[in-house]
Each structure stands twice: as C-alpha cells, then as structure tokens.
C-alpha atoms as a PDB file:
ATOM      1  CA  MET A   1     127.957  62.986  64.665  1.00  0.00           C
ATOM      2  CA  ILE A   2     129.758  65.119  67.226  1.00  0.00           C
ATOM      3  CA  PRO A   3     131.020  62.163  69.314  1.00  0.00           C
ATOM      4  CA  MET A   4     132.433  60.537  66.173  1.00  0.00           C
ATOM      5  CA  TYR A   5     134.004  63.852  65.145  1.00  0.00           C
ATOM      6  CA  ARG A   6     135.482  64.329  68.615  1.00  0.00           C
ATOM      7  CA  GLU A   7     136.960  60.802  68.693  1.00  0.00           C
ATOM      8  CA  ARG A   8     138.357  60.561  65.182  1.00  0.00           C
ATOM      9  CA  ALA A   9     138.997  63.898  63.516  1.00  0.00           C
ATOM     10  CA  GLU A  10     142.156  65.973  63.705  1.00  0.00           C
ATOM     11  CA  VAL A  11     140.425  69.129  64.779  1.00  0.00           C
ATOM     12  CA  PRO A  12     141.818  72.418  63.455  1.00  0.00           C
ATOM     13  CA  VAL A  13     141.907  75.631  65.465  1.00  0.00           C
ATOM     14  CA  GLY A  14     138.361  76.923  65.680  1.00  0.00           C
ATOM     15  CA  GLY A  15     136.847  73.516  64.976  1.00  0.00           C
ATOM     16  CA  ALA A  16     136.554  72.013  68.458  1.00  0.00           C
ATOM     17  CA  ALA A  17     133.411  70.028  69.151  1.00  0.00           C
ATOM     18  CA  GLU A  18     132.733  72.281  72.139  1.00  0.00           C
ATOM     19  CA  ILE A  19     132.408  75.256  69.788  1.00  0.00           C
ATOM     20  CA  PHE A  20     129.736  73.496  67.716  1.00  0.00           C
ATOM     21  CA  LEU A  21     127.895  72.388  70.848  1.00  0.00           C
ATOM     22  CA  GLY A  22     128.113  75.880  72.343  1.00  0.00           C
ATOM     23  CA  GLU A  23     126.628  77.363  69.186  1.00  0.00           C
ATOM     24  CA  HIS A  24     123.819  74.797  69.300  1.00  0.00           C
ATOM     25  CA  ASP A  25     123.066  75.870  72.872  1.00  0.00           C
ATOM     26  CA  LYS A  26     123.053  79.556  71.884  1.00  0.00           C
ATOM     27  CA  MET A  27     120.647  78.846  69.029  1.00  0.00           C
ATOM     28  CA  ARG A  28     118.300  76.948  71.362  1.00  0.00           C
ATOM     29  CA  GLN A  29     118.422  79.863  73.812  1.00  0.00           C
ATOM     30  CA  TYR A  30     117.492  82.295  71.039  1.00  0.00           C
ATOM     31  CA  LEU A  31     114.537  80.132  70.018  1.00  0.00           C
ATOM     32  CA  LEU A  32     113.302  80.128  73.590  1.00  0.00           C
ATOM     33  CA  LEU A  33     113.771  83.903  73.745  1.00  0.00           C
ATOM     34  CA  PHE A  34     111.715  84.348  70.571  1.00  0.00           C
ATOM     35  CA  LYS A  35     108.920  82.241  72.004  1.00  0.00           C
ATOM     36  CA  GLU A  36     108.922  84.235  75.248  1.00  0.00           C
ATOM     37  CA  GLU A  37     109.049  87.592  73.472  1.00  0.00           C
ATOM     38  CA  LEU A  38     106.168  86.700  71.162  1.00  0.00           C
ATOM     39  CA  THR A  39     104.092  85.811  74.206  1.00  0.00           C
ATOM     40  CA  LYS A  40     105.017  89.108  75.897  1.00  0.00           C
ATOM     41  CA  MET A  41     104.118  91.137  72.810  1.00  0.00           C
ATOM     42  CA  ALA A  42     100.414  90.440  73.296  1.00  0.00           C
ATOM     43  CA  GLU A  43     100.515  92.529  76.479  1.00  0.00           C
ATOM     44  CA  ALA A  44     103.331  94.956  75.647  1.00  0.00           C
ATOM     45  CA  HIS A  45     102.793  98.586  76.614  1.00  0.00           C
ATOM     46  CA  ASP A  46     105.197  99.678  73.889  1.00  0.00           C
ATOM     47  CA  LEU A  47     104.588  97.309  70.982  1.00  0.00           C
ATOM     48  CA  GLU A  48     107.017  99.121  68.684  1.00  0.00           C
ATOM     49  CA  ARG A  49     109.855  98.671  71.177  1.00  0.00           C
ATOM     50  CA  ALA A  50     108.961  94.990  71.605  1.00  0.00           C
ATOM     51  CA  VAL A  51     108.933  94.420  67.845  1.00  0.00           C
ATOM     52  CA  ILE A  52     112.273  96.191  67.387  1.00  0.00           C
ATOM     53  CA  PHE A  53     113.819  94.104  70.178  1.00  0.00           C
ATOM     54  CA  LEU A  54     112.540  90.913  68.552  1.00  0.00           C
ATOM     55  CA  LEU A  55     113.797  91.936  65.108  1.00  0.00           C
ATOM     56  CA  ASP A  56     117.220  92.871  66.496  1.00  0.00           C
ATOM     57  CA  SER A  57     117.426  89.540  68.310  1.00  0.00           C
ATOM     58  CA  GLN A  58     116.441  87.677  65.159  1.00  0.00           C
ATOM     59  CA  HIS A  59     119.142  89.496  63.206  1.00  0.00           C
ATOM     60  CA  ILE A  60     121.780  88.379  65.718  1.00  0.00           C
ATOM     61  CA  PHE A  61     120.378  84.838  65.566  1.00  0.00           C
ATOM     62  CA  LYS A  62     120.602  84.845  61.774  1.00  0.00           C
ATOM     63  CA  ARG A  63     124.248  85.930  61.895  1.00  0.00           C
ATOM     64  CA  LEU A  64     125.000  83.141  64.385  1.00  0.00           C
ATOM     65  CA  LEU A  65     123.161  80.617  62.225  1.00  0.00           C
ATOM     66  CA  VAL A  66     125.040  81.606  59.053  1.00  0.00           C
ATOM     67  CA  HIS A  67     128.382  81.562  60.883  1.00  0.00           C
ATOM     68  CA  HIS A  68     127.605  78.167  62.399  1.00  0.00           C
ATOM     69  CA  ASP A  69     126.479  76.694  59.089  1.00  0.00           C
ATOM     70  CA  THR A  70     129.654  77.937  57.407  1.00  0.00           C
ATOM     71  CA  ARG A  71     131.808  76.408  60.147  1.00  0.00           C
ATOM     72  CA  GLU A  72     130.021  73.053  59.799  1.00  0.00           C
ATOM     73  CA  ARG A  73     130.348  73.062  56.006  1.00  0.00           C
ATOM     74  CA  LYS A  74     134.039  73.986  56.084  1.00  0.00           C
ATOM     75  CA  MET A  75     135.179  71.867  59.027  1.00  0.00           C
ATOM     76  CA  LEU A  76     132.750  69.402  60.563  1.00  0.00           C
ATOM     77  CA  TYR A  77     131.311  67.742  57.462  1.00  0.00           C
ATOM     78  CA  PRO A  78     134.541  67.469  55.430  1.00  0.00           C
ATOM     79  CA  LEU A  79     136.464  66.100  58.410  1.00  0.00           C
ATOM     80  CA  LEU A  80     133.695  63.610  59.165  1.00  0.00           C
ATOM     81  CA  ASP A  81     133.837  62.482  55.544  1.00  0.00           C
ATOM     82  CA  GLU A  82     137.563  61.816  55.971  1.00  0.00           C
ATOM     83  CA  VAL A  83     137.207  59.739  59.140  1.00  0.00           C
ATOM     84  CA  THR A  84     134.062  57.726  58.388  1.00  0.00           C
ATOM     85  CA  THR A  85     133.278  54.979  55.940  1.00  0.00           C
ATOM     86  CA  GLU A  86     130.473  55.166  53.400  1.00  0.00           C
ATOM     87  CA  GLN A  87     128.560  52.606  55.472  1.00  0.00           C
ATOM     88  CA  GLU A  88     128.903  54.717  58.632  1.00  0.00           C
ATOM     89  CA  ARG A  89     127.702  57.834  56.805  1.00  0.00           C
ATOM     90  CA  GLU A  90     124.702  55.966  55.423  1.00  0.00           C
ATOM     91  CA  GLY A  91     123.929  54.723  58.939  1.00  0.00           C
ATOM     92  CA  LEU A  92     124.088  58.264  60.317  1.00  0.00           C
ATOM     93  CA  PHE A  93     121.789  59.597  57.591  1.00  0.00           C
ATOM     94  CA  THR A  94     119.340  56.742  58.171  1.00  0.00           C
ATOM     95  CA  LYS A  95     119.207  57.554  61.895  1.00  0.00           C
ATOM     96  CA  LEU A  96     118.695  61.252  61.171  1.00  0.00           C
ATOM     97  CA  LYS A  97     115.842  60.526  58.757  1.00  0.00           C
ATOM     98  CA  ALA A  98     114.188  57.989  61.083  1.00  0.00           C
ATOM     99  CA  SER A  99     114.102  60.063  64.242  1.00  0.00           C
ATOM    100  CA  PRO A 100     111.918  63.145  64.446  1.00  0.00           C
ATOM    101  CA  PHE A 101     113.998  66.273  64.716  1.00  0.00           C
ATOM    102  CA  VAL A 102     113.154  68.175  67.875  1.00  0.00           C
ATOM    103  CA  MET A 103     114.646  71.649  67.801  1.00  0.00           C
ATOM    104  CA  MET A 104     113.737  72.554  71.342  1.00  0.00           C
ATOM    105  CA  GLN A 105     111.949  70.973  74.214  1.00  0.00           C
ATOM    106  CA  THR A 106     109.644  73.095  76.309  1.00  0.00           C
END
C-alpha cells in the first residue's frame, strides 16, 4: 500500500510515507526488545527492576501504536481510498488475506 500511496496521493504535512515506514521500524524494534527482555528476565538479579523496565517500554510502545493507528486512519487510508479504484482495493485486500502476516523475522 505504501508504494501506491507514495506514487499517487497528495501527501499532507505529517503524512509522508517515510513517517509511516519509520514508525513500522520502531514498532519492530520494540517487539525485538520485548523478546530480548523477556529472555533476560529469567536470569535477572533484580526482577522487579526488569519488570518495571518492560512495563515502561510497553507503555511507550502502546502510545506509539495508538499514534500510528490514528495517523493511518486519518491520512493513509482515506487518501488511498481517493487514489485507488474499487478493483485495486479489492486486490490489495485479497493479497493481504492470502499472505501470512509476519510481524517480525528473527
């Protein structure tokens, strides 16, 4: 969807494709961090500190996720609707449903 958005949409301030992609990268980094921190917790000398760090990190992640979702709902999806045909949208949804969604590769 992003390449189509980048090519066709009149992007408003704050709606550049690079912003969406950057947020995707940040979210992937947080997921990797969570995985690493959960592994470390098994051997943590100060479990309370480790748990608090993880919870704080998850709170920041949640704020990023909500902000990102809001940006997509207000900019990306409406603008894509304006610059795509019904047939193109159906094709995109078919591809999304057909391919397994892989959040992160490890």
